[in-house]
């Protein structure tokens, strides 16, 4: 019979026989015989249920100080019962070796197999692990598939892990590593037109979308809903729709590809402030971006432009529509329609982004500090799919988390108004 950790003389009267009889039954409480769910384990390996343990302490029988010293009452953990649960580990490896139907990749990972193999080559050096003497590592292909499945479906890690024969925590760590590896390559795949040739190419692409001249990209913002935030963050992340969210600001070209992405802003920040805080504003103010030659339109020199709705201020490089009122002239209405035809690409880009990577469409279940990395990783994957020629068979979702559409009431440059009037006359 195993030796008891607690001396029998320290047990409450009436528990002695029960304690002695249950010593060898590790799956039951040594006092009440009931199956253990959240056992408190002693340093010597004996287990007790919470109810019996605290009932003993509350009664004040025995030397409580001695009892406390023998039991791990603080941060009690359940003993690990197995190194790893047996699961079907190799179905995905078998899938890779065979000629599996292409529809499986698109339905489950939202990409083609060719795109999957390209992503593996991109992040392979960062995700590759080596085998140890204890167990074999998880191959890069499987790591990428686990992360893509989580991002594409928005399922919990508790659901994603068992699908690939791994545990919840393993799936979470793999996804975090993948997102960090992809996000750090953002500058390789998300590029704002820097040279004159690149700017002119973007302008030519927009001529097929809208008659609005000199458009390089469309800018907009969107909210990414959060499952929960910490108590200290509730005020700043609480948006006007009474949800917790993080703001993403994006610029898209005519092919729905992101030219610039800025994220990580709390949900209670408005559009104009996000722009002021973003890298986009700094680069344009410094003359690094949108620095191509201007074009003469009417009496104004019109440089490369971004188009946006009413929530942003009007400037010489950022055009917005006339505010909708019953008194708008036909020329102003025509201007608004042309601008809307160009601006819609950013709404469609966000729709495709959230339609393919459903984790952004649902409330995102991640720590607030990890959300910007997850968002950036999805934006990079969005551009990769466009770069490799992946057909956008994804149905765009309606972005119902748009930013505040109220008109900006700050100071607007007089020359910007003059440029807008000249473009309006040009479109008439």
Protein backbone atom coordinates (compact mmCIF):
# COMPACT_ATOMS: atom_id res chain seq x y z
CA UNK A 1 0.00 0.00 0.00
CA UNK A 2 1.36 3.40 -0.97
CA UNK A 3 2.49 5.71 1.78
CA UNK A 4 0.12 8.56 2.56
CA UNK A 5 1.40 12.10 2.15
CA UNK A 6 -0.80 13.37 4.98
CA UNK A 7 -0.30 11.72 8.34
CA UNK A 8 -3.50 10.09 9.54
CA UNK A 9 -3.40 12.03 12.77
CA UNK A 10 -3.80 15.25 10.80
CA UNK A 11 -6.97 14.05 9.04
CA UNK A 12 -10.42 15.11 10.31
CA UNK A 13 -12.15 12.57 12.50
CA UNK A 14 -14.22 10.24 10.34
CA UNK A 15 -12.05 10.54 7.24
CA UNK A 16 -9.31 8.14 8.37
CA UNK A 17 -10.75 4.95 6.89
CA UNK A 18 -11.81 6.61 3.67
CA UNK A 19 -8.34 8.12 3.20
CA UNK A 20 -6.56 4.84 3.75
CA UNK A 21 -8.89 2.84 1.49
CA UNK A 22 -8.52 5.28 -1.43
CA UNK A 23 -4.75 5.71 -1.39
CA UNK A 24 -4.05 3.41 -4.34
CA UNK A 25 -6.86 4.75 -6.56
CA UNK A 26 -5.16 7.54 -8.52
CA UNK A 27 -8.22 8.32 -10.60
CA UNK A 28 -10.32 9.17 -7.55
CA UNK A 29 -10.10 11.65 -4.73
CA UNK A 30 -8.35 10.09 -1.79
CA UNK A 31 -11.15 11.27 0.51
CA UNK A 32 -14.51 11.24 -1.30
CA UNK A 33 -13.88 8.50 -3.89
CA UNK A 34 -15.32 10.69 -6.65
CA UNK A 35 -13.61 10.97 -10.07
CA UNK A 36 -11.19 13.89 -10.24
CA UNK A 37 -11.71 16.72 -12.72
CA UNK A 38 -9.53 19.54 -11.38
CA UNK A 39 -7.35 17.75 -8.81
CA UNK A 40 -5.03 19.53 -6.39
CA UNK A 41 -1.86 17.48 -6.51
CA UNK A 42 0.68 17.25 -3.69
CA UNK A 43 4.40 17.34 -4.24
CA UNK A 44 4.51 13.59 -3.76
CA UNK A 45 1.88 12.91 -6.39
CA UNK A 46 -1.25 12.33 -4.30
CA UNK A 47 -4.47 13.92 -5.56
CA UNK A 48 -7.46 15.47 -3.81
CA UNK A 49 -10.58 17.11 -5.12
CA UNK A 50 -11.06 20.78 -4.39
CA UNK A 51 -14.20 20.25 -2.31
CA UNK A 52 -12.64 17.82 0.16
CA UNK A 53 -9.45 19.82 0.45
CA UNK A 54 -11.10 23.10 1.34
CA UNK A 55 -13.72 21.40 3.52
CA UNK A 56 -10.85 20.06 5.60
CA UNK A 57 -9.21 23.47 5.83
CA UNK A 58 -12.46 25.27 6.73
CA UNK A 59 -13.11 22.86 9.60
CA UNK A 60 -9.83 23.89 11.16
CA UNK A 61 -8.91 20.32 12.19
CA UNK A 62 -5.22 19.48 12.29
CA UNK A 63 -2.25 21.73 11.67
CA UNK A 64 -3.39 23.92 8.78
CA UNK A 65 0.04 25.48 8.29
CA UNK A 66 1.56 22.04 7.82
CA UNK A 67 -1.24 21.10 5.44
CA UNK A 68 -0.64 24.22 3.31
CA UNK A 69 3.07 23.50 3.09
CA UNK A 70 2.41 20.00 1.76
CA UNK A 71 -0.11 21.01 -0.92
CA UNK A 72 0.34 23.15 -4.03
CA UNK A 73 -2.57 25.49 -3.41
CA UNK A 74 -1.27 28.30 -5.61
CA UNK A 75 -1.29 27.86 -9.38
CA UNK A 76 -2.33 24.25 -9.07
CA UNK A 77 -1.96 22.49 -12.42
CA UNK A 78 -3.38 19.27 -13.65
CA UNK A 79 -0.68 16.66 -14.19
CA UNK A 80 -0.02 15.92 -17.84
CA UNK A 81 -1.64 12.61 -18.62
CA UNK A 82 0.02 11.91 -21.97
CA UNK A 83 2.86 13.21 -24.13
CA UNK A 84 0.48 13.40 -27.08
CA UNK A 85 -2.97 12.01 -27.76
CA UNK A 86 -3.10 9.44 -30.57
CA UNK A 87 -4.50 11.08 -33.71
CA UNK A 88 -4.50 10.47 -37.42
CA UNK A 89 -1.30 12.34 -38.25
CA UNK A 90 -0.67 11.53 -41.89
CA UNK A 91 -3.79 12.14 -43.97
CA UNK A 92 -2.49 15.51 -45.17
CA UNK A 93 0.88 14.02 -46.13
CA UNK A 94 -0.98 11.40 -48.16
CA UNK A 95 -2.99 14.15 -49.80
CA UNK A 96 0.19 15.95 -50.90
CA UNK A 97 1.62 12.81 -52.44
CA UNK A 98 -1.51 12.07 -54.46
CA UNK A 99 -3.35 13.91 -57.18
CA UNK A 100 -6.09 15.37 -55.06
CA UNK A 101 -8.86 17.32 -56.70
CA UNK A 102 -8.21 21.04 -57.06
CA UNK A 103 -11.56 21.87 -55.51
CA UNK A 104 -10.36 20.63 -52.13
CA UNK A 105 -7.68 23.32 -51.96
CA UNK A 106 -10.07 26.09 -52.92
CA UNK A 107 -12.83 24.96 -50.56
CA UNK A 108 -10.63 24.40 -47.50
CA UNK A 109 -7.62 26.70 -47.94
CA UNK A 110 -9.23 29.22 -50.35
CA UNK A 111 -6.28 28.99 -52.74
CA UNK A 112 -5.07 26.72 -55.54
CA UNK A 113 -2.41 24.07 -55.01
CA UNK A 114 0.00 26.09 -57.15
CA UNK A 115 -0.47 29.11 -54.88
CA UNK A 116 -0.03 26.88 -51.83
CA UNK A 117 3.30 25.58 -53.11
CA UNK A 118 4.44 29.14 -53.82
CA UNK A 119 3.60 30.23 -50.26
CA UNK A 120 5.52 27.23 -48.90
CA UNK A 121 8.60 28.38 -50.83
CA UNK A 122 8.22 31.92 -49.49
CA UNK A 123 7.94 31.07 -45.77
CA UNK A 124 9.74 27.73 -45.78
CA UNK A 125 13.06 29.04 -44.41
CA UNK A 126 11.30 30.60 -41.41
CA UNK A 127 9.00 27.70 -40.55
CA UNK A 128 11.32 24.74 -41.12
CA UNK A 129 12.12 22.70 -38.00
CA UNK A 130 14.44 19.75 -37.37
CA UNK A 131 13.68 16.33 -35.95
CA UNK A 132 14.72 15.61 -32.38
CA UNK A 133 15.54 12.39 -30.56
CA UNK A 134 12.09 12.48 -28.97
CA UNK A 135 9.88 13.00 -31.99
CA UNK A 136 9.69 14.07 -35.60
CA UNK A 137 8.97 17.69 -36.48
CA UNK A 138 5.89 18.89 -38.32
CA UNK A 139 6.78 19.48 -41.96
CA UNK A 140 6.60 22.95 -43.49
CA UNK A 141 3.81 21.91 -45.87
CA UNK A 142 1.62 20.87 -42.98
CA UNK A 143 2.46 23.99 -40.97
CA UNK A 144 1.40 26.22 -43.86
CA UNK A 145 -1.80 24.21 -44.36
CA UNK A 146 -2.72 24.49 -40.67
CA UNK A 147 -2.25 28.26 -40.69
CA UNK A 148 -4.10 28.78 -43.98
CA UNK A 149 -7.00 26.65 -42.76
CA UNK A 150 -7.30 28.76 -39.61
CA UNK A 151 -7.16 32.05 -41.57
CA UNK A 152 -9.44 30.85 -44.37
CA UNK A 153 -12.23 29.41 -42.23
CA UNK A 154 -11.97 31.47 -39.06
CA UNK A 155 -12.46 28.28 -37.04
CA UNK A 156 -11.12 28.08 -33.52
CA UNK A 157 -7.78 26.42 -32.83
CA UNK A 158 -9.68 23.73 -30.97
CA UNK A 159 -11.35 22.82 -34.28
CA UNK A 160 -8.40 23.43 -36.60
CA UNK A 161 -5.85 21.36 -34.68
CA UNK A 162 -7.63 17.98 -34.66
CA UNK A 163 -8.36 18.30 -38.38
CA UNK A 164 -4.62 17.96 -38.97
CA UNK A 165 -3.93 15.53 -36.14
CA UNK A 166 -2.36 18.07 -33.79
CA UNK A 167 -3.38 19.75 -30.55
CA UNK A 168 -4.99 23.13 -30.02
CA UNK A 169 -1.87 24.83 -28.66
CA UNK A 170 0.27 23.42 -31.46
CA UNK A 171 -2.12 24.80 -34.07
CA UNK A 172 -2.06 28.20 -32.37
CA UNK A 173 1.75 28.37 -32.24
CA UNK A 174 2.04 27.28 -35.87
CA UNK A 175 -0.43 29.96 -36.99
CA UNK A 176 1.37 32.66 -35.02
CA UNK A 177 4.73 31.67 -36.53
CA UNK A 178 3.24 31.64 -40.03
CA UNK A 179 1.61 35.07 -39.66
CA UNK A 180 4.85 36.58 -38.38
CA UNK A 181 6.81 35.04 -41.25
CA UNK A 182 4.36 36.36 -43.85
CA UNK A 183 3.86 39.79 -42.26
CA UNK A 184 7.58 40.55 -42.14
CA UNK A 185 7.62 40.18 -45.94
CA UNK A 186 4.92 42.81 -46.38
CA UNK A 187 7.29 45.24 -48.11
CA UNK A 188 7.98 42.61 -50.79
CA UNK A 189 4.34 42.15 -51.76
CA UNK A 190 2.60 45.40 -50.71
CA UNK A 191 4.32 48.16 -52.65
CA UNK A 192 3.17 51.69 -53.32
CA UNK A 193 4.15 52.92 -56.82
CA UNK A 194 7.49 54.64 -56.23
CA UNK A 195 8.78 55.37 -59.73
CA UNK A 196 7.19 57.50 -62.43
CA UNK A 197 6.67 54.41 -64.59
CA UNK A 198 4.82 52.60 -61.79
CA UNK A 199 2.60 55.61 -61.13
CA UNK A 200 1.70 55.97 -64.81
CA UNK A 201 0.93 52.24 -65.01
CA UNK A 202 -1.51 52.53 -62.10
CA UNK A 203 -3.17 55.55 -63.73
CA UNK A 204 -3.61 53.63 -66.99
CA UNK A 205 -5.25 50.73 -65.16
CA UNK A 206 -7.82 53.06 -63.64
CA UNK A 207 -8.81 54.49 -67.03
CA UNK A 208 -10.55 51.14 -67.67
CA UNK A 209 -12.57 51.58 -64.48
CA UNK A 210 -13.52 55.24 -64.52
CA UNK A 211 -13.11 58.43 -66.57
CA UNK A 212 -11.77 60.16 -63.46
CA UNK A 213 -8.25 61.39 -64.36
CA UNK A 214 -4.92 60.84 -62.61
CA UNK A 215 -6.12 58.16 -60.17
CA UNK A 216 -3.37 55.99 -58.71
CA UNK A 217 -5.41 54.29 -55.99
CA UNK A 218 -8.52 54.33 -53.84
CA UNK A 219 -8.25 54.66 -50.08
CA UNK A 220 -10.67 53.52 -47.41
CA UNK A 221 -10.82 52.11 -43.91
CA UNK A 222 -12.54 49.15 -42.33
CA UNK A 223 -13.09 47.69 -38.89
CA UNK A 224 -11.90 44.20 -37.95
CA UNK A 225 -14.15 42.99 -35.14
CA UNK A 226 -12.52 41.49 -32.05
CA UNK A 227 -13.91 38.63 -30.01
CA UNK A 228 -12.85 40.26 -26.76
CA UNK A 229 -10.38 42.74 -25.33
CA UNK A 230 -8.87 43.24 -21.90
CA UNK A 231 -10.58 45.43 -19.34
CA UNK A 232 -8.00 48.19 -19.76
CA UNK A 233 -8.58 48.35 -23.54
CA UNK A 234 -12.37 48.39 -23.66
CA UNK A 235 -12.83 52.14 -24.05
CA UNK A 236 -10.33 52.76 -26.84
CA UNK A 237 -11.34 49.70 -28.89
CA UNK A 238 -15.10 50.31 -28.57
CA UNK A 239 -16.34 51.74 -31.88
CA UNK A 240 -19.46 53.65 -32.89
CA UNK A 241 -21.28 50.39 -33.70
CA UNK A 242 -20.88 49.29 -30.08
CA UNK A 243 -18.34 46.61 -30.98
CA UNK A 244 -14.69 46.07 -30.18
CA UNK A 245 -12.53 46.47 -33.25
CA UNK A 246 -9.20 47.39 -34.79
CA UNK A 247 -9.03 49.74 -37.79
CA UNK A 248 -7.30 48.90 -41.05
CA UNK A 249 -6.60 51.57 -43.68
CA UNK A 250 -5.86 50.34 -47.19
CA UNK A 251 -5.06 51.72 -50.63
CA UNK A 252 -5.93 49.53 -53.62
CA UNK A 253 -5.22 49.78 -57.34
CA UNK A 254 -7.54 48.92 -60.21
CA UNK A 255 -6.70 45.19 -59.93
CA UNK A 256 -7.87 45.11 -56.27
CA UNK A 257 -4.27 44.74 -55.10
CA UNK A 258 -3.24 46.56 -51.94
CA UNK A 259 -0.65 49.29 -52.50
CA UNK A 260 -0.47 50.27 -48.84
CA UNK A 261 -1.88 48.86 -45.61
CA UNK A 262 -1.81 50.45 -42.19
CA UNK A 263 -3.43 48.78 -39.20
CA UNK A 264 -3.34 48.44 -35.43
CA UNK A 265 -5.42 51.55 -34.63
CA UNK A 266 -8.10 51.21 -31.91
CA UNK A 267 -11.69 51.15 -33.11
CA UNK A 268 -12.68 54.55 -31.69
CA UNK A 269 -10.27 56.47 -33.99
CA UNK A 270 -11.82 58.23 -37.01
CA UNK A 271 -10.61 58.15 -40.62
CA UNK A 272 -8.87 61.50 -40.69
CA UNK A 273 -6.79 60.71 -37.62
CA UNK A 274 -5.82 57.28 -38.96
CA UNK A 275 -4.55 58.99 -42.12
CA UNK A 276 -2.55 61.52 -40.13
CA UNK A 277 -0.91 58.75 -38.10
CA UNK A 278 -0.18 56.50 -41.07
CA UNK A 279 2.99 56.06 -43.08
CA UNK A 280 1.03 57.03 -46.19
CA UNK A 281 0.59 60.61 -45.00
CA UNK A 282 4.27 60.93 -44.04
CA UNK A 283 5.59 59.57 -47.33
CA UNK A 284 3.35 61.84 -49.41
CA UNK A 285 4.21 64.91 -47.32
CA UNK A 286 7.91 64.15 -47.78
CA UNK A 287 7.47 63.83 -51.55
CA UNK A 288 8.45 60.16 -51.66
CA UNK A 289 5.11 58.93 -52.99
CA UNK A 290 2.80 60.45 -55.64
CA UNK A 291 5.76 62.38 -57.02
CA UNK A 292 5.13 61.79 -60.74
CA UNK A 293 4.68 64.74 -63.13
CA UNK A 294 1.33 66.51 -63.04
CA UNK A 295 -1.16 66.91 -65.86
CA UNK A 296 -2.77 70.14 -66.99
CA UNK A 297 -6.55 70.01 -66.52
CA UNK A 298 -8.38 73.28 -67.04
CA UNK A 299 -6.46 75.93 -65.13
CA UNK A 300 -4.86 73.54 -62.62
CA UNK A 301 -1.83 71.28 -62.52
CA UNK A 302 -3.25 67.97 -61.31
CA UNK A 303 -0.77 65.47 -59.91
CA UNK A 304 -1.36 61.79 -59.14
CA UNK A 305 -4.45 61.35 -56.97
CA UNK A 306 -6.05 59.08 -54.44
CA UNK A 307 -9.85 59.00 -54.26
CA UNK A 308 -11.95 58.63 -51.14
CA UNK A 309 -15.41 59.29 -49.72
CA UNK A 310 -16.52 62.19 -47.53
CA UNK A 311 -14.79 61.07 -44.35
CA UNK A 312 -11.39 62.42 -45.40
CA UNK A 313 -10.28 66.03 -45.91
CA UNK A 314 -9.95 67.36 -49.43
CA UNK A 315 -6.36 67.98 -50.53
CA UNK A 316 -4.33 68.40 -53.71
CA UNK A 317 -3.64 64.65 -53.78
CA UNK A 318 -6.84 63.32 -52.16
CA UNK A 319 -10.13 63.86 -53.95
CA UNK A 320 -13.51 63.30 -52.35
CA UNK A 321 -17.04 63.73 -53.75
CA UNK A 322 -19.34 66.68 -53.27
CA UNK A 323 -21.59 66.20 -50.28
CA UNK A 324 -24.95 64.78 -51.32
CA UNK A 325 -27.58 67.51 -51.17
CA UNK A 326 -30.71 68.22 -53.23
CA UNK A 327 -28.97 71.27 -54.70
CA UNK A 328 -26.15 69.42 -56.49
CA UNK A 329 -25.77 70.38 -60.14
CA UNK A 330 -25.59 67.88 -62.98
CA UNK A 331 -21.83 68.47 -63.28
CA UNK A 332 -21.34 67.74 -59.60
CA UNK A 333 -23.41 64.57 -59.83
CA UNK A 334 -21.35 63.43 -62.82
CA UNK A 335 -18.17 64.13 -60.85
CA UNK A 336 -19.46 62.05 -57.93
CA UNK A 337 -20.37 59.12 -60.21
CA UNK A 338 -16.95 59.08 -61.87
CA UNK A 339 -15.18 59.24 -58.52
CA UNK A 340 -17.39 56.48 -57.12
CA UNK A 341 -16.52 54.22 -60.07
CA UNK A 342 -12.85 54.60 -59.16
CA UNK A 343 -13.31 54.42 -55.40
CA UNK A 344 -15.32 51.19 -55.45
CA UNK A 345 -12.15 49.12 -56.03
CA UNK A 346 -11.06 49.50 -52.41
CA UNK A 347 -14.46 48.34 -51.17
CA UNK A 348 -14.22 45.33 -53.48
CA UNK A 349 -10.66 44.67 -52.32
CA UNK A 350 -11.81 44.58 -48.69
CA UNK A 351 -14.72 42.36 -49.70
CA UNK A 352 -12.41 39.87 -51.44
CA UNK A 353 -9.97 40.01 -48.51
CA UNK A 354 -12.65 39.14 -45.96
CA UNK A 355 -14.34 36.68 -48.30
CA UNK A 356 -11.17 34.64 -48.74
CA UNK A 357 -9.76 35.01 -45.22
CA UNK A 358 -12.88 34.56 -43.13
CA UNK A 359 -11.07 35.09 -39.85
CA UNK A 360 -11.31 38.83 -40.64
CA UNK A 361 -15.04 38.63 -41.38
CA UNK A 362 -15.88 36.97 -38.07
CA UNK A 363 -14.92 38.47 -34.71
CA UNK A 364 -11.22 37.69 -34.53
CA UNK A 365 -10.29 35.49 -31.59
CA UNK A 366 -6.73 36.60 -30.92
CA UNK A 367 -4.90 38.69 -28.37
CA UNK A 368 -5.09 42.37 -29.25
CA UNK A 369 -1.32 42.54 -29.61
CA UNK A 370 -1.39 39.81 -32.28
CA UNK A 371 -4.28 41.13 -34.34
CA UNK A 372 -2.24 43.60 -36.48
CA UNK A 373 0.15 40.80 -37.49
CA UNK A 374 -2.77 38.56 -38.46
CA UNK A 375 -4.39 41.34 -40.51
CA UNK A 376 -1.13 42.18 -42.28
CA UNK A 377 -0.51 38.51 -43.05
CA UNK A 378 -3.95 38.22 -44.68
CA UNK A 379 -3.30 41.34 -46.78
CA UNK A 380 0.03 39.93 -47.96
CA UNK A 381 -1.66 36.63 -48.86
CA UNK A 382 -4.32 38.63 -50.72
CA UNK A 383 -1.64 40.23 -52.89
CA UNK A 384 0.20 36.94 -53.38
CA UNK A 385 -2.97 35.38 -54.81
CA UNK A 386 -3.21 38.26 -57.31
CA UNK A 387 0.51 38.13 -58.18
CA UNK A 388 0.47 34.41 -59.02
CA UNK A 389 -2.65 34.83 -61.14
CA UNK A 390 -5.02 33.03 -58.78
CA UNK A 391 -8.52 33.60 -60.18
CA UNK A 392 -10.75 35.41 -57.72
CA UNK A 393 -13.57 32.89 -57.53
CA UNK A 394 -14.20 34.02 -53.97
CA UNK A 395 -17.52 35.76 -53.48
CA UNK A 396 -16.72 39.14 -51.90
CA UNK A 397 -18.52 39.70 -48.63
CA UNK A 398 -20.26 42.94 -47.88
CA UNK A 399 -18.03 45.07 -45.71
CA UNK A 400 -20.53 46.16 -43.08
CA UNK A 401 -17.77 47.52 -40.86
CA UNK A 402 -17.09 50.64 -42.86
CA UNK A 403 -15.65 53.74 -41.31
CA UNK A 404 -17.62 56.81 -40.32
CA UNK A 405 -19.08 58.35 -43.48
CA UNK A 406 -19.75 61.79 -41.99
CA UNK A 407 -18.30 64.73 -43.84
CA UNK A 408 -14.95 66.12 -42.72
CA UNK A 409 -15.33 69.64 -41.38
CA UNK A 410 -11.68 70.66 -41.06
CA UNK A 411 -9.78 73.20 -43.13
CA UNK A 412 -9.53 72.34 -46.79
CA UNK A 413 -6.99 73.82 -49.15
CA UNK A 414 -8.34 76.37 -51.59
CA UNK A 415 -6.15 74.99 -54.35
CA UNK A 416 -7.66 71.54 -53.72
CA UNK A 417 -11.14 72.96 -54.30
CA UNK A 418 -9.91 74.60 -57.48
CA UNK A 419 -8.52 71.27 -58.71
CA UNK A 420 -11.80 69.53 -57.93
CA UNK A 421 -13.76 72.18 -59.84
CA UNK A 422 -11.45 71.86 -62.87
CA UNK A 423 -11.82 68.06 -62.86
CA UNK A 424 -15.59 68.51 -62.63
CA UNK A 425 -15.53 70.75 -65.71
CA UNK A 426 -13.26 68.24 -67.47
CA UNK A 427 -15.80 65.45 -66.90
CA UNK A 428 -18.74 67.54 -68.08
